[in-house]
Amino acid sequence: MPNIAVVIKAEIARLAKREAKSATLDLKRASVRYRTEIAKLKRFLGQQQREIKLLKSQTARQQAPQSDSEAELDGVRFSARSVKAQRSRLGLSAADYGKLVGVSPLTIYNWEQKKSSPRKAQLAALVAVRGIGKREALKRLAELTPRKKAR
């Protein structure tokens, strides 16, 4: 026959577990409910942040008026053949023409070979150089080129 003290001790432990479980059951349910609510709020917050970002970009595009140079460049197209023809018309090397436009000689070569095309700022510089003559080009080039000091 089992010892009465062991039986009573086991019964007390069982009843204590049962009481503790019933006391913490409400806390567990509340914890699960709070976690699901937090997850929903995080998803909602992410969605709201994406919408705000989208709306900011849309309003920035609408409010940013085009500058005069951008408005002038709307109808301008780039032609590699035109760059080559203009450079030869001015009688300039790719290095000199690059200095005049504000780019490297390799960039001029890549434009002429249709390997790349100019960005808006570079296209604006090309448009600015289009209307000048040979004398004006040489004059501007002389202004851009630093002179060597005589010894």
N, C-alpha and C. Protein backbone atom coordinates (compact mmCIF):
# COMPACT_ATOMS: atom_id res chain seq x y z
N MET A 1 0.83 -1.17 0.00
CA MET A 1 0.00 0.00 0.00
C MET A 1 0.88 1.24 0.00
N PRO A 2 0.45 2.25 -0.82
CA PRO A 2 1.28 3.44 -0.92
C PRO A 2 1.23 4.27 0.36
N ASN A 3 2.25 5.00 0.52
CA ASN A 3 2.37 5.87 1.68
C ASN A 3 1.36 7.01 1.53
N ILE A 4 0.62 7.31 2.57
CA ILE A 4 -0.43 8.33 2.53
C ILE A 4 0.16 9.71 2.26
N ALA A 5 1.34 9.96 2.76
CA ALA A 5 1.97 11.27 2.56
C ALA A 5 2.27 11.50 1.08
N VAL A 6 2.72 10.43 0.39
CA VAL A 6 3.03 10.55 -1.04
C VAL A 6 1.76 10.82 -1.83
N VAL A 7 0.67 10.14 -1.47
CA VAL A 7 -0.60 10.32 -2.17
C VAL A 7 -1.13 11.74 -1.96
N ILE A 8 -1.07 12.21 -0.74
CA ILE A 8 -1.57 13.56 -0.45
C ILE A 8 -0.70 14.60 -1.18
N LYS A 9 0.60 14.37 -1.18
CA LYS A 9 1.51 15.30 -1.85
C LYS A 9 1.22 15.35 -3.35
N ALA A 10 0.98 14.21 -3.97
CA ALA A 10 0.67 14.14 -5.40
C ALA A 10 -0.65 14.84 -5.70
N GLU A 11 -1.65 14.63 -4.83
CA GLU A 11 -2.96 15.26 -5.03
C GLU A 11 -2.86 16.78 -4.88
N ILE A 12 -2.08 17.24 -3.93
CA ILE A 12 -1.88 18.68 -3.75
C ILE A 12 -1.19 19.28 -4.98
N ALA A 13 -0.20 18.58 -5.50
CA ALA A 13 0.50 19.06 -6.69
C ALA A 13 -0.45 19.13 -7.89
N ARG A 14 -1.30 18.11 -8.04
CA ARG A 14 -2.26 18.09 -9.15
C ARG A 14 -3.24 19.24 -9.04
N LEU A 15 -3.75 19.46 -7.86
CA LEU A 15 -4.71 20.55 -7.65
C LEU A 15 -4.04 21.92 -7.84
N ALA A 16 -2.79 22.05 -7.44
CA ALA A 16 -2.07 23.31 -7.60
C ALA A 16 -1.85 23.61 -9.09
N LYS A 17 -1.49 22.57 -9.87
CA LYS A 17 -1.32 22.75 -11.32
C LYS A 17 -2.62 23.18 -11.97
N ARG A 18 -3.70 22.54 -11.52
CA ARG A 18 -5.02 22.85 -12.09
C ARG A 18 -5.41 24.30 -11.79
N GLU A 19 -5.17 24.74 -10.58
CA GLU A 19 -5.49 26.12 -10.19
C GLU A 19 -4.61 27.12 -10.95
N ALA A 20 -3.33 26.79 -11.08
CA ALA A 20 -2.41 27.68 -11.80
C ALA A 20 -2.80 27.77 -13.27
N LYS A 21 -3.19 26.64 -13.84
CA LYS A 21 -3.60 26.62 -15.26
C LYS A 21 -4.84 27.47 -15.47
N SER A 22 -5.83 27.33 -14.59
CA SER A 22 -7.06 28.12 -14.75
C SER A 22 -6.80 29.60 -14.50
N ALA A 23 -5.85 29.92 -13.62
CA ALA A 23 -5.53 31.31 -13.33
C ALA A 23 -4.77 31.96 -14.49
N THR A 24 -3.93 31.21 -15.20
CA THR A 24 -3.14 31.78 -16.29
C THR A 24 -3.82 31.64 -17.65
N LEU A 25 -4.90 30.87 -17.74
CA LEU A 25 -5.59 30.68 -19.02
C LEU A 25 -6.08 32.00 -19.60
N ASP A 26 -6.66 32.84 -18.77
CA ASP A 26 -7.14 34.14 -19.26
C ASP A 26 -5.97 35.01 -19.75
N LEU A 27 -4.84 34.94 -19.04
CA LEU A 27 -3.68 35.71 -19.46
C LEU A 27 -3.14 35.22 -20.80
N LYS A 28 -3.13 33.91 -20.99
CA LYS A 28 -2.66 33.36 -22.27
C LYS A 28 -3.57 33.80 -23.41
N ARG A 29 -4.88 33.74 -23.19
CA ARG A 29 -5.83 34.16 -24.23
C ARG A 29 -5.64 35.64 -24.57
N ALA A 30 -5.46 36.47 -23.54
CA ALA A 30 -5.24 37.90 -23.77
C ALA A 30 -3.94 38.12 -24.54
N SER A 31 -2.92 37.38 -24.19
CA SER A 31 -1.63 37.52 -24.87
C SER A 31 -1.75 37.17 -26.36
N VAL A 32 -2.46 36.08 -26.67
CA VAL A 32 -2.66 35.69 -28.07
C VAL A 32 -3.45 36.77 -28.81
N ARG A 33 -4.49 37.30 -28.17
CA ARG A 33 -5.30 38.34 -28.79
C ARG A 33 -4.46 39.59 -29.06
N TYR A 34 -3.61 39.98 -28.11
CA TYR A 34 -2.77 41.16 -28.28
C TYR A 34 -1.75 40.95 -29.41
N ARG A 35 -1.19 39.76 -29.49
CA ARG A 35 -0.22 39.49 -30.56
C ARG A 35 -0.87 39.58 -31.93
N THR A 36 -2.08 39.06 -32.08
CA THR A 36 -2.75 39.15 -33.39
C THR A 36 -3.08 40.61 -33.71
N GLU A 37 -3.51 41.37 -32.71
CA GLU A 37 -3.80 42.78 -32.95
C GLU A 37 -2.55 43.55 -33.33
N ILE A 38 -1.43 43.25 -32.69
CA ILE A 38 -0.17 43.92 -33.01
C ILE A 38 0.25 43.58 -34.45
N ALA A 39 0.09 42.32 -34.85
CA ALA A 39 0.44 41.92 -36.21
C ALA A 39 -0.43 42.66 -37.22
N LYS A 40 -1.72 42.78 -36.94
CA LYS A 40 -2.62 43.53 -37.84
C LYS A 40 -2.19 44.99 -37.94
N LEU A 41 -1.86 45.58 -36.80
CA LEU A 41 -1.44 46.98 -36.80
C LEU A 41 -0.14 47.19 -37.57
N LYS A 42 0.78 46.24 -37.45
CA LYS A 42 2.04 46.35 -38.20
C LYS A 42 1.77 46.28 -39.70
N ARG A 43 0.90 45.38 -40.13
CA ARG A 43 0.56 45.29 -41.56
C ARG A 43 -0.11 46.58 -42.03
N PHE A 44 -1.01 47.10 -41.22
CA PHE A 44 -1.71 48.34 -41.56
C PHE A 44 -0.73 49.51 -41.65
N LEU A 45 0.20 49.58 -40.70
CA LEU A 45 1.20 50.64 -40.71
C LEU A 45 2.07 50.57 -41.96
N GLY A 46 2.50 49.37 -42.33
CA GLY A 46 3.30 49.21 -43.55
C GLY A 46 2.54 49.67 -44.78
N GLN A 47 1.27 49.31 -44.84
CA GLN A 47 0.43 49.72 -45.98
C GLN A 47 0.30 51.25 -46.02
N GLN A 48 0.08 51.85 -44.87
CA GLN A 48 -0.06 53.31 -44.81
C GLN A 48 1.23 54.00 -45.22
N GLN A 49 2.37 53.46 -44.79
CA GLN A 49 3.66 54.06 -45.16
C GLN A 49 3.88 53.98 -46.66
N ARG A 50 3.51 52.85 -47.28
CA ARG A 50 3.64 52.73 -48.73
C ARG A 50 2.75 53.74 -49.45
N GLU A 51 1.53 53.91 -48.96
CA GLU A 51 0.62 54.88 -49.57
C GLU A 51 1.15 56.30 -49.42
N ILE A 52 1.68 56.63 -48.27
CA ILE A 52 2.24 57.97 -48.04
C ILE A 52 3.40 58.22 -48.99
N LYS A 53 4.25 57.23 -49.14
CA LYS A 53 5.40 57.37 -50.04
C LYS A 53 4.94 57.59 -51.48
N LEU A 54 3.93 56.84 -51.90
CA LEU A 54 3.38 56.98 -53.25
C LEU A 54 2.78 58.37 -53.44
N LEU A 55 2.01 58.82 -52.46
CA LEU A 55 1.38 60.13 -52.57
C LEU A 55 2.41 61.26 -52.57
N LYS A 56 3.46 61.11 -51.77
CA LYS A 56 4.51 62.13 -51.76
C LYS A 56 5.19 62.22 -53.12
N SER A 57 5.47 61.07 -53.72
CA SER A 57 6.14 61.10 -55.02
C SER A 57 5.22 61.69 -56.09
N GLN A 58 3.93 61.38 -56.01
CA GLN A 58 2.98 61.94 -56.98
C GLN A 58 2.86 63.45 -56.83
N THR A 59 2.77 63.93 -55.60
CA THR A 59 2.64 65.38 -55.41
C THR A 59 3.94 66.09 -55.77
N ALA A 60 5.07 65.45 -55.53
CA ALA A 60 6.34 66.07 -55.89
C ALA A 60 6.44 66.22 -57.41
N ARG A 61 5.98 65.19 -58.14
CA ARG A 61 6.00 65.28 -59.60
C ARG A 61 5.05 66.35 -60.11
N GLN A 62 3.89 66.49 -59.47
CA GLN A 62 2.92 67.47 -59.91
C GLN A 62 3.36 68.89 -59.58
N GLN A 63 4.00 69.07 -58.42
CA GLN A 63 4.38 70.41 -57.98
C GLN A 63 5.68 70.89 -58.59
N ALA A 64 6.52 69.98 -59.06
CA ALA A 64 7.80 70.39 -59.62
C ALA A 64 7.60 70.89 -61.05
N PRO A 65 7.57 72.20 -61.24
CA PRO A 65 7.43 72.70 -62.60
C PRO A 65 8.73 72.49 -63.36
N GLN A 66 8.59 72.31 -64.64
CA GLN A 66 9.78 72.13 -65.45
C GLN A 66 10.54 73.44 -65.54
N SER A 67 11.84 73.34 -65.41
CA SER A 67 12.65 74.54 -65.55
C SER A 67 12.72 74.92 -67.03
N ASP A 68 13.23 76.09 -67.31
CA ASP A 68 13.29 76.57 -68.69
C ASP A 68 14.14 75.65 -69.56
N SER A 69 15.26 75.18 -69.02
CA SER A 69 16.14 74.32 -69.83
C SER A 69 15.47 72.99 -70.13
N GLU A 70 14.72 72.45 -69.15
CA GLU A 70 14.01 71.19 -69.39
C GLU A 70 12.89 71.40 -70.41
N ALA A 71 12.21 72.53 -70.33
CA ALA A 71 11.13 72.81 -71.27
C ALA A 71 11.68 72.94 -72.69
N GLU A 72 12.86 73.53 -72.81
CA GLU A 72 13.48 73.68 -74.13
C GLU A 72 13.91 72.33 -74.70
N LEU A 73 14.27 71.40 -73.83
CA LEU A 73 14.80 70.11 -74.28
C LEU A 73 13.70 69.09 -74.60
N ASP A 74 12.45 69.45 -74.39
CA ASP A 74 11.37 68.49 -74.65
C ASP A 74 11.33 68.06 -76.11
N GLY A 75 11.56 68.96 -77.03
CA GLY A 75 11.48 68.63 -78.44
C GLY A 75 12.81 68.24 -79.05
N VAL A 76 13.88 68.23 -78.27
CA VAL A 76 15.22 67.96 -78.80
C VAL A 76 15.48 66.46 -78.78
N ARG A 77 15.98 65.97 -79.91
CA ARG A 77 16.36 64.56 -80.00
C ARG A 77 17.86 64.47 -80.21
N PHE A 78 18.43 63.36 -79.77
CA PHE A 78 19.86 63.15 -79.92
C PHE A 78 20.13 62.32 -81.16
N SER A 79 21.14 62.73 -81.90
CA SER A 79 21.56 61.99 -83.08
C SER A 79 23.07 61.87 -83.07
N ALA A 80 23.56 60.65 -83.13
CA ALA A 80 25.00 60.42 -83.14
C ALA A 80 25.62 61.01 -84.40
N ARG A 81 24.93 60.86 -85.50
CA ARG A 81 25.43 61.40 -86.78
C ARG A 81 25.54 62.92 -86.72
N SER A 82 24.60 63.55 -86.03
CA SER A 82 24.61 65.00 -85.89
C SER A 82 25.82 65.47 -85.06
N VAL A 83 26.14 64.73 -84.01
CA VAL A 83 27.31 65.09 -83.19
C VAL A 83 28.58 65.00 -84.02
N LYS A 84 28.69 63.92 -84.77
CA LYS A 84 29.88 63.72 -85.60
C LYS A 84 29.98 64.83 -86.66
N ALA A 85 28.87 65.15 -87.29
CA ALA A 85 28.85 66.17 -88.33
C ALA A 85 29.18 67.55 -87.75
N GLN A 86 28.63 67.84 -86.61
CA GLN A 86 28.88 69.13 -85.98
C GLN A 86 30.34 69.26 -85.58
N ARG A 87 30.92 68.19 -85.03
CA ARG A 87 32.32 68.22 -84.63
C ARG A 87 33.22 68.43 -85.84
N SER A 88 32.91 67.74 -86.94
CA SER A 88 33.74 67.91 -88.15
C SER A 88 33.52 69.29 -88.78
N ARG A 89 32.31 69.83 -88.68
CA ARG A 89 32.02 71.17 -89.20
C ARG A 89 32.84 72.22 -88.45
N LEU A 90 32.98 72.01 -87.14
CA LEU A 90 33.77 72.95 -86.35
C LEU A 90 35.27 72.69 -86.47
N GLY A 91 35.62 71.55 -87.01
CA GLY A 91 37.03 71.21 -87.19
C GLY A 91 37.73 70.92 -85.87
N LEU A 92 37.04 70.30 -84.94
CA LEU A 92 37.60 70.03 -83.62
C LEU A 92 37.84 68.53 -83.42
N SER A 93 38.83 68.23 -82.61
CA SER A 93 39.07 66.84 -82.24
C SER A 93 38.04 66.45 -81.19
N ALA A 94 37.95 65.15 -80.92
CA ALA A 94 37.01 64.69 -79.90
C ALA A 94 37.37 65.26 -78.54
N ALA A 95 38.66 65.43 -78.27
CA ALA A 95 39.10 65.99 -76.99
C ALA A 95 38.67 67.45 -76.88
N ASP A 96 38.88 68.23 -77.93
CA ASP A 96 38.49 69.64 -77.90
C ASP A 96 36.97 69.80 -77.84
N TYR A 97 36.27 69.01 -78.61
CA TYR A 97 34.81 69.08 -78.61
C TYR A 97 34.27 68.67 -77.24
N GLY A 98 34.91 67.66 -76.63
CA GLY A 98 34.53 67.25 -75.29
C GLY A 98 34.71 68.36 -74.27
N LYS A 99 35.83 69.10 -74.37
CA LYS A 99 36.05 70.24 -73.48
C LYS A 99 34.96 71.29 -73.66
N LEU A 100 34.60 71.51 -74.91
CA LEU A 100 33.58 72.51 -75.23
C LEU A 100 32.22 72.13 -74.64
N VAL A 101 31.90 70.85 -74.71
CA VAL A 101 30.60 70.38 -74.21
C VAL A 101 30.66 70.09 -72.71
N GLY A 102 31.85 69.80 -72.21
CA GLY A 102 31.99 69.53 -70.78
C GLY A 102 32.00 68.04 -70.45
N VAL A 103 32.46 67.23 -71.41
CA VAL A 103 32.56 65.79 -71.19
C VAL A 103 33.93 65.31 -71.66
N SER A 104 34.21 64.03 -71.43
CA SER A 104 35.52 63.50 -71.83
C SER A 104 35.53 63.14 -73.31
N PRO A 105 36.72 63.03 -73.89
CA PRO A 105 36.80 62.63 -75.30
C PRO A 105 36.21 61.23 -75.55
N LEU A 106 36.36 60.34 -74.56
CA LEU A 106 35.78 59.01 -74.70
C LEU A 106 34.26 59.06 -74.78
N THR A 107 33.67 59.97 -74.05
CA THR A 107 32.21 60.14 -74.09
C THR A 107 31.78 60.59 -75.49
N ILE A 108 32.51 61.52 -76.08
CA ILE A 108 32.20 61.98 -77.44
C ILE A 108 32.29 60.79 -78.40
N TYR A 109 33.36 60.01 -78.26
CA TYR A 109 33.54 58.83 -79.12
C TYR A 109 32.36 57.86 -78.95
N ASN A 110 31.96 57.61 -77.71
CA ASN A 110 30.85 56.67 -77.46
C ASN A 110 29.53 57.21 -78.02
N TRP A 111 29.33 58.51 -77.96
CA TRP A 111 28.13 59.09 -78.55
C TRP A 111 28.13 58.90 -80.07
N GLU A 112 29.28 59.18 -80.67
CA GLU A 112 29.36 59.07 -82.13
C GLU A 112 29.24 57.63 -82.60
N GLN A 113 29.67 56.68 -81.79
CA GLN A 113 29.59 55.26 -82.16
C GLN A 113 28.27 54.63 -81.71
N LYS A 114 27.37 55.44 -81.16
CA LYS A 114 26.05 55.00 -80.69
C LYS A 114 26.15 53.97 -79.56
N LYS A 115 27.22 54.06 -78.79
CA LYS A 115 27.38 53.16 -77.64
C LYS A 115 26.69 53.72 -76.40
N SER A 116 26.48 55.03 -76.39
CA SER A 116 25.78 55.67 -75.28
C SER A 116 25.11 56.92 -75.80
N SER A 117 24.27 57.49 -74.95
CA SER A 117 23.61 58.75 -75.32
C SER A 117 23.71 59.72 -74.15
N PRO A 118 23.64 61.01 -74.42
CA PRO A 118 23.85 62.00 -73.36
C PRO A 118 22.66 62.09 -72.40
N ARG A 119 22.98 62.51 -71.18
CA ARG A 119 21.94 62.79 -70.19
C ARG A 119 21.38 64.18 -70.49
N LYS A 120 20.36 64.59 -69.73
CA LYS A 120 19.69 65.88 -70.02
C LYS A 120 20.65 67.06 -69.94
N ALA A 121 21.50 67.07 -68.92
CA ALA A 121 22.43 68.20 -68.77
C ALA A 121 23.42 68.22 -69.94
N GLN A 122 23.87 67.04 -70.34
CA GLN A 122 24.81 66.97 -71.46
C GLN A 122 24.11 67.33 -72.77
N LEU A 123 22.86 66.92 -72.90
CA LEU A 123 22.10 67.26 -74.10
C LEU A 123 21.90 68.77 -74.19
N ALA A 124 21.69 69.41 -73.04
CA ALA A 124 21.56 70.86 -73.02
C ALA A 124 22.86 71.52 -73.49
N ALA A 125 24.00 70.96 -73.08
CA ALA A 125 25.28 71.51 -73.51
C ALA A 125 25.47 71.31 -75.02
N LEU A 126 25.03 70.17 -75.53
CA LEU A 126 25.12 69.92 -76.98
C LEU A 126 24.26 70.92 -77.75
N VAL A 127 23.07 71.17 -77.24
CA VAL A 127 22.18 72.13 -77.90
C VAL A 127 22.79 73.52 -77.88
N ALA A 128 23.45 73.87 -76.78
CA ALA A 128 24.07 75.19 -76.67
C ALA A 128 25.21 75.36 -77.67
N VAL A 129 25.89 74.28 -78.01
CA VAL A 129 27.03 74.34 -78.92
C VAL A 129 26.58 74.27 -80.37
N ARG A 130 25.37 73.80 -80.62
CA ARG A 130 24.88 73.61 -81.99
C ARG A 130 24.94 74.87 -82.85
N GLY A 131 24.53 75.97 -82.28
CA GLY A 131 24.40 77.17 -83.10
C GLY A 131 25.64 78.00 -83.27
N ILE A 132 26.75 77.60 -82.70
CA ILE A 132 27.94 78.45 -82.79
C ILE A 132 28.78 78.08 -84.02
N GLY A 133 29.59 79.03 -84.44
CA GLY A 133 30.46 78.81 -85.59
C GLY A 133 31.85 78.39 -85.15
N LYS A 134 32.72 78.26 -86.14
CA LYS A 134 34.07 77.79 -85.89
C LYS A 134 34.86 78.79 -85.03
N ARG A 135 34.74 80.07 -85.34
CA ARG A 135 35.47 81.09 -84.59
C ARG A 135 35.01 81.13 -83.13
N GLU A 136 33.70 81.10 -82.95
CA GLU A 136 33.14 81.13 -81.59
C GLU A 136 33.57 79.89 -80.81
N ALA A 137 33.60 78.74 -81.46
CA ALA A 137 34.02 77.51 -80.80
C ALA A 137 35.47 77.61 -80.36
N LEU A 138 36.34 78.11 -81.24
CA LEU A 138 37.75 78.25 -80.89
C LEU A 138 37.95 79.27 -79.77
N LYS A 139 37.13 80.33 -79.78
CA LYS A 139 37.21 81.35 -78.75
C LYS A 139 36.82 80.75 -77.39
N ARG A 140 35.71 80.01 -77.36
CA ARG A 140 35.27 79.38 -76.11
C ARG A 140 36.29 78.35 -75.63
N LEU A 141 36.86 77.63 -76.55
CA LEU A 141 37.85 76.62 -76.21
C LEU A 141 39.10 77.26 -75.63
N ALA A 142 39.48 78.40 -76.17
CA ALA A 142 40.64 79.12 -75.64
C ALA A 142 40.38 79.61 -74.22
N GLU A 143 39.15 80.01 -73.95
CA GLU A 143 38.78 80.45 -72.60
C GLU A 143 38.80 79.29 -71.62
N LEU A 144 38.43 78.11 -72.09
CA LEU A 144 38.37 76.94 -71.22
C LEU A 144 39.74 76.33 -70.96
N THR A 145 40.64 76.46 -71.91
CA THR A 145 41.95 75.83 -71.79
C THR A 145 42.88 76.72 -70.99
N PRO A 146 43.47 76.19 -69.90
CA PRO A 146 44.40 77.01 -69.12
C PRO A 146 45.69 77.21 -69.91
N ARG A 147 46.22 78.42 -69.83
CA ARG A 147 47.45 78.75 -70.56
C ARG A 147 48.66 78.35 -69.73
N LYS A 148 49.69 77.87 -70.40
CA LYS A 148 50.94 77.51 -69.74
C LYS A 148 51.75 78.77 -69.51
N LYS A 149 52.39 78.83 -68.36
CA LYS A 149 53.22 79.99 -68.03
C LYS A 149 54.57 79.88 -68.74
N ALA A 150 55.06 81.00 -69.26
CA ALA A 150 56.36 81.03 -69.92
C ALA A 150 57.45 81.10 -68.86
N ARG A 151 58.55 80.42 -69.10
CA ARG A 151 59.64 80.40 -68.13
C ARG A 151 60.67 81.44 -68.43
